[in-house]
Amino acid sequence: MYALMDMIANGRFAPKTTILYLHTGGLQGKNGLEYMLQKKRR
């Protein structure tokens, strides 16, 4: 999800593009997301 949000924020999709995101995971990515957010803040 982080990568998708990053692509949207950086204009990788044309305006009005419909995006379907199928989440098939659990909480495993939460630690990775927190790591990436802390890394950005530095």
PDB file of N, CA and C in Angstrom:
ATOM      1  N   MET A   1       0.818  -1.176   0.000  1.00  0.00           N
ATOM      2  CA  MET A   1       0.000   0.000   0.000  1.00  0.00           C
ATOM      3  C   MET A   1       0.871   1.253   0.000  1.00  0.00           C
ATOM      4  N   TYR A   2       1.972   1.169   0.727  1.00  0.00           N
ATOM      5  CA  TYR A   2       2.879   2.322   0.756  1.00  0.00           C
ATOM      6  C   TYR A   2       3.352   2.666  -0.662  1.00  0.00           C
ATOM      7  N   ALA A   3       3.736   1.651  -1.419  1.00  0.00           N
ATOM      8  CA  ALA A   3       4.230   1.892  -2.785  1.00  0.00           C
ATOM      9  C   ALA A   3       3.138   2.486  -3.664  1.00  0.00           C
ATOM     10  N   LEU A   4       1.926   1.998  -3.533  1.00  0.00           N
ATOM     11  CA  LEU A   4       0.817   2.531  -4.321  1.00  0.00           C
ATOM     12  C   LEU A   4       0.553   3.988  -3.962  1.00  0.00           C
ATOM     13  N   MET A   5       0.501   4.300  -2.681  1.00  0.00           N
ATOM     14  CA  MET A   5       0.275   5.676  -2.257  1.00  0.00           C
ATOM     15  C   MET A   5       1.404   6.595  -2.740  1.00  0.00           C
ATOM     16  N   ASP A   6       2.626   6.074  -2.751  1.00  0.00           N
ATOM     17  CA  ASP A   6       3.769   6.842  -3.241  1.00  0.00           C
ATOM     18  C   ASP A   6       3.626   7.122  -4.737  1.00  0.00           C
ATOM     19  N   MET A   7       3.207   6.110  -5.508  1.00  0.00           N
ATOM     20  CA  MET A   7       3.021   6.314  -6.948  1.00  0.00           C
ATOM     21  C   MET A   7       1.920   7.327  -7.226  1.00  0.00           C
ATOM     22  N   ILE A   8       0.827   7.270  -6.467  1.00  0.00           N
ATOM     23  CA  ILE A   8      -0.261   8.236  -6.645  1.00  0.00           C
ATOM     24  C   ILE A   8       0.236   9.642  -6.326  1.00  0.00           C
ATOM     25  N   ALA A   9       0.932   9.780  -5.210  1.00  0.00           N
ATOM     26  CA  ALA A   9       1.436  11.091  -4.786  1.00  0.00           C
ATOM     27  C   ALA A   9       2.428  11.683  -5.785  1.00  0.00           C
ATOM     28  N   ASN A  10       3.125  10.813  -6.519  1.00  0.00           N
ATOM     29  CA  ASN A  10       4.138  11.286  -7.462  1.00  0.00           C
ATOM     30  C   ASN A  10       3.653  11.312  -8.905  1.00  0.00           C
ATOM     31  N   GLY A  11       2.322  11.258  -9.090  1.00  0.00           N
ATOM     32  CA  GLY A  11       1.750  11.440 -10.422  1.00  0.00           C
ATOM     33  C   GLY A  11       1.982  10.308 -11.404  1.00  0.00           C
ATOM     34  N   ARG A  12       2.141   9.091 -10.934  1.00  0.00           N
ATOM     35  CA  ARG A  12       2.375   7.956 -11.843  1.00  0.00           C
ATOM     36  C   ARG A  12       1.116   7.517 -12.583  1.00  0.00           C
ATOM     37  N   PHE A  13      -0.053   8.017 -12.173  1.00  0.00           N
ATOM     38  CA  PHE A  13      -1.320   7.661 -12.813  1.00  0.00           C
ATOM     39  C   PHE A  13      -1.983   8.923 -13.341  1.00  0.00           C
ATOM     40  N   ALA A  14      -2.644   8.770 -14.463  1.00  0.00           N
ATOM     41  CA  ALA A  14      -3.367   9.909 -15.043  1.00  0.00           C
ATOM     42  C   ALA A  14      -4.529  10.291 -14.132  1.00  0.00           C
ATOM     43  N   PRO A  15      -4.900  11.567 -14.131  1.00  0.00           N
ATOM     44  CA  PRO A  15      -6.061  11.982 -13.339  1.00  0.00           C
ATOM     45  C   PRO A  15      -7.298  11.162 -13.707  1.00  0.00           C
ATOM     46  N   LYS A  16      -8.127  10.896 -12.731  1.00  0.00           N
ATOM     47  CA  LYS A  16      -9.385  10.147 -12.898  1.00  0.00           C
ATOM     48  C   LYS A  16      -9.157   8.664 -13.186  1.00  0.00           C
ATOM     49  N   THR A  17      -7.928   8.178 -13.028  1.00  0.00           N
ATOM     50  CA  THR A  17      -7.656   6.755 -13.207  1.00  0.00           C
ATOM     51  C   THR A  17      -8.313   5.972 -12.074  1.00  0.00           C
ATOM     52  N   THR A  18      -8.972   4.889 -12.416  1.00  0.00           N
ATOM     53  CA  THR A  18      -9.559   4.014 -11.403  1.00  0.00           C
ATOM     54  C   THR A  18      -8.506   2.997 -10.993  1.00  0.00           C
ATOM     55  N   ILE A  19      -8.291   2.873  -9.695  1.00  0.00           N
ATOM     56  CA  ILE A  19      -7.291   1.950  -9.175  1.00  0.00           C
ATOM     57  C   ILE A  19      -7.990   0.951  -8.267  1.00  0.00           C
ATOM     58  N   LEU A  20      -7.755  -0.320  -8.494  1.00  0.00           N
ATOM     59  CA  LEU A  20      -8.280  -1.374  -7.632  1.00  0.00           C
ATOM     60  C   LEU A  20      -7.109  -1.948  -6.852  1.00  0.00           C
ATOM     61  N   TYR A  21      -7.185  -1.873  -5.535  1.00  0.00           N
ATOM     62  CA  TYR A  21      -6.130  -2.400  -4.671  1.00  0.00           C
ATOM     63  C   TYR A  21      -6.719  -3.561  -3.899  1.00  0.00           C
ATOM     64  N   LEU A  22      -6.170  -4.742  -4.079  1.00  0.00           N
ATOM     65  CA  LEU A  22      -6.646  -5.935  -3.399  1.00  0.00           C
ATOM     66  C   LEU A  22      -5.685  -6.257  -2.267  1.00  0.00           C
ATOM     67  N   HIS A  23      -6.126  -6.043  -1.041  1.00  0.00           N
ATOM     68  CA  HIS A  23      -5.288  -6.281   0.137  1.00  0.00           C
ATOM     69  C   HIS A  23      -5.441  -7.741   0.545  1.00  0.00           C
ATOM     70  N   THR A  24      -4.364  -8.494   0.478  1.00  0.00           N
ATOM     71  CA  THR A  24      -4.423  -9.920   0.821  1.00  0.00           C
ATOM     72  C   THR A  24      -3.559 -10.261   2.024  1.00  0.00           C
ATOM     73  N   GLY A  25      -2.962  -9.266   2.645  1.00  0.00           N
ATOM     74  CA  GLY A  25      -2.062  -9.521   3.760  1.00  0.00           C
ATOM     75  C   GLY A  25      -2.682  -9.162   5.091  1.00  0.00           C
ATOM     76  N   GLY A  26      -1.866  -9.193   6.096  1.00  0.00           N
ATOM     77  CA  GLY A  26      -2.327  -8.877   7.439  1.00  0.00           C
ATOM     78  C   GLY A  26      -1.509  -7.757   8.027  1.00  0.00           C
ATOM     79  N   LEU A  27      -1.112  -7.909   9.267  1.00  0.00           N
ATOM     80  CA  LEU A  27      -0.384  -6.868   9.964  1.00  0.00           C
ATOM     81  C   LEU A  27       1.120  -6.886   9.690  1.00  0.00           C
ATOM     82  N   GLN A  28       1.607  -7.822   8.904  1.00  0.00           N
ATOM     83  CA  GLN A  28       3.047  -7.935   8.663  1.00  0.00           C
ATOM     84  C   GLN A  28       3.632  -6.661   8.081  1.00  0.00           C
ATOM     85  N   GLY A  29       2.893  -5.986   7.249  1.00  0.00           N
ATOM     86  CA  GLY A  29       3.405  -4.776   6.613  1.00  0.00           C
ATOM     87  C   GLY A  29       3.437  -3.571   7.527  1.00  0.00           C
ATOM     88  N   LYS A  30       2.768  -3.640   8.660  1.00  0.00           N
ATOM     89  CA  LYS A  30       2.718  -2.488   9.573  1.00  0.00           C
ATOM     90  C   LYS A  30       4.105  -2.087  10.053  1.00  0.00           C
ATOM     91  N   ASN A  31       4.929  -3.047  10.398  1.00  0.00           N
ATOM     92  CA  ASN A  31       6.292  -2.738  10.842  1.00  0.00           C
ATOM     93  C   ASN A  31       7.109  -2.117   9.719  1.00  0.00           C
ATOM     94  N   GLY A  32       6.953  -2.626   8.518  1.00  0.00           N
ATOM     95  CA  GLY A  32       7.665  -2.067   7.382  1.00  0.00           C
ATOM     96  C   GLY A  32       7.244  -0.643   7.085  1.00  0.00           C
ATOM     97  N   LEU A  33       5.945  -0.365   7.206  1.00  0.00           N
ATOM     98  CA  LEU A  33       5.452   0.982   6.964  1.00  0.00           C
ATOM     99  C   LEU A  33       6.005   1.942   8.011  1.00  0.00           C
ATOM    100  N   GLU A  34       5.987   1.530   9.262  1.00  0.00           N
ATOM    101  CA  GLU A  34       6.523   2.385  10.328  1.00  0.00           C
ATOM    102  C   GLU A  34       8.001   2.668  10.082  1.00  0.00           C
ATOM    103  N   TYR A  35       8.746   1.650   9.632  1.00  0.00           N
ATOM    104  CA  TYR A  35      10.166   1.826   9.322  1.00  0.00           C
ATOM    105  C   TYR A  35      10.345   2.864   8.213  1.00  0.00           C
ATOM    106  N   MET A  36       9.541   2.751   7.148  1.00  0.00           N
ATOM    107  CA  MET A  36       9.667   3.675   6.027  1.00  0.00           C
ATOM    108  C   MET A  36       9.291   5.107   6.442  1.00  0.00           C
ATOM    109  N   LEU A  37       8.279   5.247   7.275  1.00  0.00           N
ATOM    110  CA  LEU A  37       7.884   6.585   7.717  1.00  0.00           C
ATOM    111  C   LEU A  37       8.966   7.212   8.591  1.00  0.00           C
ATOM    112  N   GLN A  38       9.563   6.433   9.459  1.00  0.00           N
ATOM    113  CA  GLN A  38      10.648   6.960  10.304  1.00  0.00           C
ATOM    114  C   GLN A  38      11.848   7.336   9.445  1.00  0.00           C
ATOM    115  N   LYS A  39      12.123   6.529   8.432  1.00  0.00           N
ATOM    116  CA  LYS A  39      13.248   6.788   7.540  1.00  0.00           C
ATOM    117  C   LYS A  39      13.048   8.118   6.800  1.00  0.00           C
ATOM    118  N   LYS A  40      11.806   8.395   6.383  1.00  0.00           N
ATOM    119  CA  LYS A  40      11.501   9.648   5.681  1.00  0.00           C
ATOM    120  C   LYS A  40      11.680  10.860   6.590  1.00  0.00           C
ATOM    121  N   ARG A  41      11.379  10.701   7.878  1.00  0.00           N
ATOM    122  CA  ARG A  41      11.428  11.826   8.817  1.00  0.00           C
ATOM    123  C   ARG A  41      12.852  12.254   9.136  1.00  0.00           C
ATOM    124  N   ARG A  42      13.814  11.403   8.882  1.00  0.00           N
ATOM    125  CA  ARG A  42      15.208  11.725   9.225  1.00  0.00           C
ATOM    126  C   ARG A  42      15.817  12.685   8.267  1.00  0.00           C
TER     127      ARG A  42
END
